[in-house]
Amino acid sequence: MKHDQPIVPRKEEETKLLQNRLRRIEGQIRGIAQMVEDDRYCTDILVQISAANKALKNVGLQVLEHHTAHCVVDAAKNGEEEVMEDLLKAIRQFSKT
């Protein structure tokens, strides 16, 4: 099952929160790039990479939670049996790190 749009669209507030978090992560990544360019101490760079990874993982968890609580539940109610395989595929993909 492939959808171009969420089965249940995110609320505008949720979208704004996700976009804000992603912009902050984007800033973190630019900061890491600057640290590399400035030849900063390796462990300082690694700490910042770890923080950015954690922040991005948290955004992913929020998207996964929305997908599960809204899209999957709605699809299951509508008899879309393949929704569980889609969910498991999403979890497997998200877990690869």
N, C-alpha and C. Protein backbone atom coordinates (compact mmCIF):
# COMPACT_ATOMS: atom_id res chain seq x y z
N MET A 1 0.86 -1.18 0.00
CA MET A 1 0.00 0.00 0.00
C MET A 1 0.90 1.23 0.00
N LYS A 2 0.71 2.10 -0.96
CA LYS A 2 1.50 3.32 -1.03
C LYS A 2 0.55 4.49 -1.17
N HIS A 3 0.74 5.48 -0.32
CA HIS A 3 -0.08 6.68 -0.35
C HIS A 3 0.85 7.87 -0.58
N ASP A 4 0.40 8.81 -1.40
CA ASP A 4 1.17 10.03 -1.60
C ASP A 4 0.95 11.02 -0.47
N GLN A 5 -0.18 10.93 0.17
CA GLN A 5 -0.56 11.81 1.28
C GLN A 5 -0.91 10.93 2.48
N PRO A 6 -0.82 11.48 3.71
CA PRO A 6 -1.24 10.69 4.86
C PRO A 6 -2.72 10.32 4.73
N ILE A 7 -3.07 9.16 5.23
CA ILE A 7 -4.48 8.76 5.23
C ILE A 7 -5.28 9.74 6.07
N VAL A 8 -4.70 10.15 7.19
CA VAL A 8 -5.30 11.17 8.04
C VAL A 8 -4.30 12.33 8.10
N PRO A 9 -4.61 13.45 7.46
CA PRO A 9 -3.66 14.57 7.43
C PRO A 9 -3.31 15.07 8.83
N ARG A 10 -2.08 15.56 8.97
CA ARG A 10 -1.67 16.15 10.24
C ARG A 10 -2.40 17.46 10.45
N LYS A 11 -2.62 17.78 11.70
CA LYS A 11 -3.19 19.09 12.03
C LYS A 11 -2.12 20.14 11.72
N GLU A 12 -2.57 21.33 11.38
CA GLU A 12 -1.64 22.41 11.03
C GLU A 12 -0.62 22.66 12.14
N GLU A 13 -1.07 22.60 13.38
CA GLU A 13 -0.17 22.83 14.52
C GLU A 13 0.91 21.75 14.58
N GLU A 14 0.53 20.50 14.33
CA GLU A 14 1.50 19.41 14.34
C GLU A 14 2.52 19.58 13.23
N THR A 15 2.05 19.98 12.05
CA THR A 15 2.96 20.22 10.92
C THR A 15 3.94 21.33 11.26
N LYS A 16 3.47 22.41 11.85
CA LYS A 16 4.35 23.52 12.21
C LYS A 16 5.40 23.09 13.23
N LEU A 17 4.99 22.29 14.22
CA LEU A 17 5.94 21.81 15.21
C LEU A 17 7.03 20.94 14.57
N LEU A 18 6.61 20.05 13.66
CA LEU A 18 7.59 19.20 12.98
C LEU A 18 8.53 20.04 12.13
N GLN A 19 7.99 21.01 11.41
CA GLN A 19 8.83 21.87 10.57
C GLN A 19 9.82 22.67 11.42
N ASN A 20 9.38 23.18 12.55
CA ASN A 20 10.28 23.93 13.44
C ASN A 20 11.40 23.04 13.95
N ARG A 21 11.05 21.83 14.35
CA ARG A 21 12.08 20.91 14.84
C ARG A 21 13.08 20.57 13.74
N LEU A 22 12.56 20.35 12.53
CA LEU A 22 13.46 20.03 11.41
C LEU A 22 14.36 21.21 11.07
N ARG A 23 13.86 22.42 11.20
CA ARG A 23 14.71 23.60 10.96
C ARG A 23 15.81 23.69 12.01
N ARG A 24 15.48 23.37 13.26
CA ARG A 24 16.51 23.38 14.30
C ARG A 24 17.57 22.33 14.01
N ILE A 25 17.13 21.16 13.55
CA ILE A 25 18.08 20.09 13.22
C ILE A 25 18.95 20.53 12.05
N GLU A 26 18.33 21.19 11.08
CA GLU A 26 19.08 21.71 9.94
C GLU A 26 20.17 22.68 10.42
N GLY A 27 19.84 23.51 11.39
CA GLY A 27 20.82 24.41 11.99
C GLY A 27 21.93 23.65 12.70
N GLN A 28 21.55 22.58 13.40
CA GLN A 28 22.56 21.75 14.06
C GLN A 28 23.52 21.17 13.03
N ILE A 29 22.99 20.69 11.91
CA ILE A 29 23.83 20.09 10.88
C ILE A 29 24.79 21.13 10.29
N ARG A 30 24.28 22.34 10.04
CA ARG A 30 25.16 23.41 9.55
C ARG A 30 26.25 23.71 10.57
N GLY A 31 25.89 23.68 11.86
CA GLY A 31 26.87 23.90 12.91
C GLY A 31 27.94 22.82 12.93
N ILE A 32 27.53 21.59 12.71
CA ILE A 32 28.49 20.47 12.65
C ILE A 32 29.42 20.65 11.46
N ALA A 33 28.86 21.03 10.32
CA ALA A 33 29.69 21.26 9.13
C ALA A 33 30.72 22.35 9.40
N GLN A 34 30.29 23.39 10.11
CA GLN A 34 31.22 24.48 10.45
C GLN A 34 32.30 23.97 11.40
N MET A 35 31.91 23.11 12.34
CA MET A 35 32.90 22.55 13.26
C MET A 35 33.96 21.75 12.50
N VAL A 36 33.52 20.98 11.50
CA VAL A 36 34.47 20.20 10.69
C VAL A 36 35.37 21.16 9.92
N GLU A 37 34.77 22.18 9.32
CA GLU A 37 35.56 23.16 8.56
C GLU A 37 36.58 23.86 9.46
N ASP A 38 36.19 24.13 10.70
CA ASP A 38 37.08 24.80 11.65
C ASP A 38 38.06 23.83 12.30
N ASP A 39 38.00 22.56 11.90
CA ASP A 39 38.89 21.51 12.43
C ASP A 39 38.80 21.40 13.95
N ARG A 40 37.56 21.40 14.44
CA ARG A 40 37.32 21.29 15.88
C ARG A 40 37.67 19.89 16.38
N TYR A 41 37.78 19.78 17.68
CA TYR A 41 38.13 18.54 18.35
C TYR A 41 37.11 17.45 18.01
N CYS A 42 37.60 16.27 17.67
CA CYS A 42 36.75 15.18 17.18
C CYS A 42 35.60 14.83 18.12
N THR A 43 35.88 14.72 19.41
CA THR A 43 34.80 14.32 20.32
C THR A 43 33.72 15.39 20.42
N ASP A 44 34.09 16.65 20.27
CA ASP A 44 33.08 17.72 20.26
C ASP A 44 32.15 17.55 19.05
N ILE A 45 32.72 17.22 17.91
CA ILE A 45 31.92 16.99 16.70
C ILE A 45 31.02 15.78 16.91
N LEU A 46 31.58 14.71 17.47
CA LEU A 46 30.79 13.50 17.69
C LEU A 46 29.62 13.73 18.64
N VAL A 47 29.83 14.55 19.65
CA VAL A 47 28.75 14.88 20.58
C VAL A 47 27.62 15.59 19.84
N GLN A 48 27.99 16.51 18.96
CA GLN A 48 26.98 17.25 18.21
C GLN A 48 26.26 16.35 17.19
N ILE A 49 27.00 15.44 16.58
CA ILE A 49 26.37 14.47 15.67
C ILE A 49 25.37 13.60 16.43
N SER A 50 25.75 13.17 17.61
CA SER A 50 24.86 12.35 18.44
C SER A 50 23.59 13.12 18.80
N ALA A 51 23.74 14.39 19.14
CA ALA A 51 22.57 15.22 19.48
C ALA A 51 21.65 15.39 18.27
N ALA A 52 22.24 15.60 17.10
CA ALA A 52 21.43 15.76 15.88
C ALA A 52 20.72 14.46 15.54
N ASN A 53 21.42 13.34 15.68
CA ASN A 53 20.79 12.03 15.44
C ASN A 53 19.60 11.81 16.37
N LYS A 54 19.78 12.14 17.64
CA LYS A 54 18.71 11.96 18.61
C LYS A 54 17.52 12.85 18.26
N ALA A 55 17.79 14.08 17.90
CA ALA A 55 16.71 15.01 17.54
C ALA A 55 15.95 14.51 16.31
N LEU A 56 16.67 14.03 15.31
CA LEU A 56 16.02 13.52 14.10
C LEU A 56 15.22 12.25 14.40
N LYS A 57 15.76 11.40 15.26
CA LYS A 57 15.05 10.18 15.67
C LYS A 57 13.75 10.55 16.37
N ASN A 58 13.78 11.59 17.20
CA ASN A 58 12.56 12.02 17.89
C ASN A 58 11.51 12.53 16.92
N VAL A 59 11.93 13.24 15.88
CA VAL A 59 10.97 13.69 14.86
C VAL A 59 10.38 12.46 14.17
N GLY A 60 11.22 11.50 13.84
CA GLY A 60 10.75 10.27 13.22
C GLY A 60 9.75 9.54 14.10
N LEU A 61 10.00 9.50 15.38
CA LEU A 61 9.06 8.85 16.31
C LEU A 61 7.72 9.57 16.32
N GLN A 62 7.74 10.88 16.25
CA GLN A 62 6.49 11.63 16.21
C GLN A 62 5.70 11.31 14.94
N VAL A 63 6.40 11.22 13.82
CA VAL A 63 5.73 10.88 12.56
C VAL A 63 5.18 9.46 12.64
N LEU A 64 5.97 8.54 13.19
CA LEU A 64 5.52 7.16 13.35
C LEU A 64 4.32 7.06 14.27
N GLU A 65 4.32 7.84 15.34
CA GLU A 65 3.19 7.85 16.27
C GLU A 65 1.92 8.34 15.56
N HIS A 66 2.05 9.41 14.77
CA HIS A 66 0.90 9.91 14.02
C HIS A 66 0.40 8.84 13.06
N HIS A 67 1.32 8.23 12.35
CA HIS A 67 0.97 7.20 11.39
C HIS A 67 0.20 6.07 12.07
N THR A 68 0.71 5.63 13.20
CA THR A 68 0.07 4.51 13.91
C THR A 68 -1.28 4.91 14.48
N ALA A 69 -1.32 6.03 15.18
CA ALA A 69 -2.53 6.43 15.90
C ALA A 69 -3.64 6.90 14.96
N HIS A 70 -3.27 7.41 13.81
CA HIS A 70 -4.29 7.98 12.93
C HIS A 70 -4.43 7.21 11.62
N CYS A 71 -3.37 7.16 10.84
CA CYS A 71 -3.44 6.54 9.51
C CYS A 71 -3.74 5.05 9.60
N VAL A 72 -3.01 4.34 10.46
CA VAL A 72 -3.19 2.89 10.56
C VAL A 72 -4.56 2.56 11.14
N VAL A 73 -4.94 3.27 12.19
CA VAL A 73 -6.25 3.03 12.81
C VAL A 73 -7.37 3.30 11.80
N ASP A 74 -7.28 4.40 11.09
CA ASP A 74 -8.31 4.74 10.11
C ASP A 74 -8.37 3.70 8.99
N ALA A 75 -7.21 3.31 8.48
CA ALA A 75 -7.18 2.31 7.41
C ALA A 75 -7.74 0.98 7.88
N ALA A 76 -7.41 0.58 9.11
CA ALA A 76 -7.93 -0.68 9.65
C ALA A 76 -9.45 -0.63 9.78
N LYS A 77 -9.98 0.50 10.22
CA LYS A 77 -11.43 0.66 10.33
C LYS A 77 -12.11 0.55 8.96
N ASN A 78 -11.39 0.96 7.91
CA ASN A 78 -11.93 0.91 6.56
C ASN A 78 -11.64 -0.40 5.85
N GLY A 79 -11.13 -1.38 6.59
CA GLY A 79 -10.91 -2.71 6.04
C GLY A 79 -9.67 -2.86 5.19
N GLU A 80 -8.76 -1.94 5.25
CA GLU A 80 -7.51 -2.06 4.48
C GLU A 80 -6.57 -2.99 5.23
N GLU A 81 -6.66 -4.26 4.89
CA GLU A 81 -5.92 -5.30 5.61
C GLU A 81 -4.41 -5.16 5.50
N GLU A 82 -3.93 -4.61 4.39
CA GLU A 82 -2.49 -4.50 4.18
C GLU A 82 -1.85 -3.41 5.07
N VAL A 83 -2.69 -2.72 5.83
CA VAL A 83 -2.18 -1.63 6.66
C VAL A 83 -1.17 -2.11 7.71
N MET A 84 -1.36 -3.31 8.24
CA MET A 84 -0.42 -3.80 9.25
C MET A 84 0.94 -4.09 8.63
N GLU A 85 0.96 -4.65 7.43
CA GLU A 85 2.24 -4.89 6.76
C GLU A 85 2.93 -3.56 6.45
N ASP A 86 2.13 -2.57 6.07
CA ASP A 86 2.68 -1.24 5.80
C ASP A 86 3.30 -0.66 7.08
N LEU A 87 2.61 -0.82 8.19
CA LEU A 87 3.13 -0.33 9.48
C LEU A 87 4.42 -1.04 9.84
N LEU A 88 4.44 -2.37 9.71
CA LEU A 88 5.65 -3.12 10.05
C LEU A 88 6.80 -2.73 9.14
N LYS A 89 6.52 -2.51 7.86
CA LYS A 89 7.55 -2.06 6.93
C LYS A 89 8.10 -0.70 7.35
N ALA A 90 7.21 0.20 7.76
CA ALA A 90 7.64 1.53 8.22
C ALA A 90 8.51 1.43 9.46
N ILE A 91 8.12 0.57 10.39
CA ILE A 91 8.88 0.39 11.62
C ILE A 91 10.26 -0.20 11.30
N ARG A 92 10.29 -1.22 10.42
CA ARG A 92 11.58 -1.81 10.04
C ARG A 92 12.49 -0.77 9.41
N GLN A 93 11.93 0.04 8.50
CA GLN A 93 12.72 1.07 7.82
C GLN A 93 13.23 2.12 8.82
N PHE A 94 12.35 2.54 9.71
CA PHE A 94 12.72 3.56 10.68
C PHE A 94 13.78 3.04 11.66
N SER A 95 13.72 1.75 11.96
CA SER A 95 14.63 1.15 12.93
C SER A 95 16.05 0.97 12.41
N LYS A 96 16.22 1.04 11.10
CA LYS A 96 17.56 0.87 10.52
C LYS A 96 18.41 2.07 10.84
N THR A 97 19.33 1.90 11.75
CA THR A 97 20.29 2.97 12.04
C THR A 97 21.50 2.39 12.72
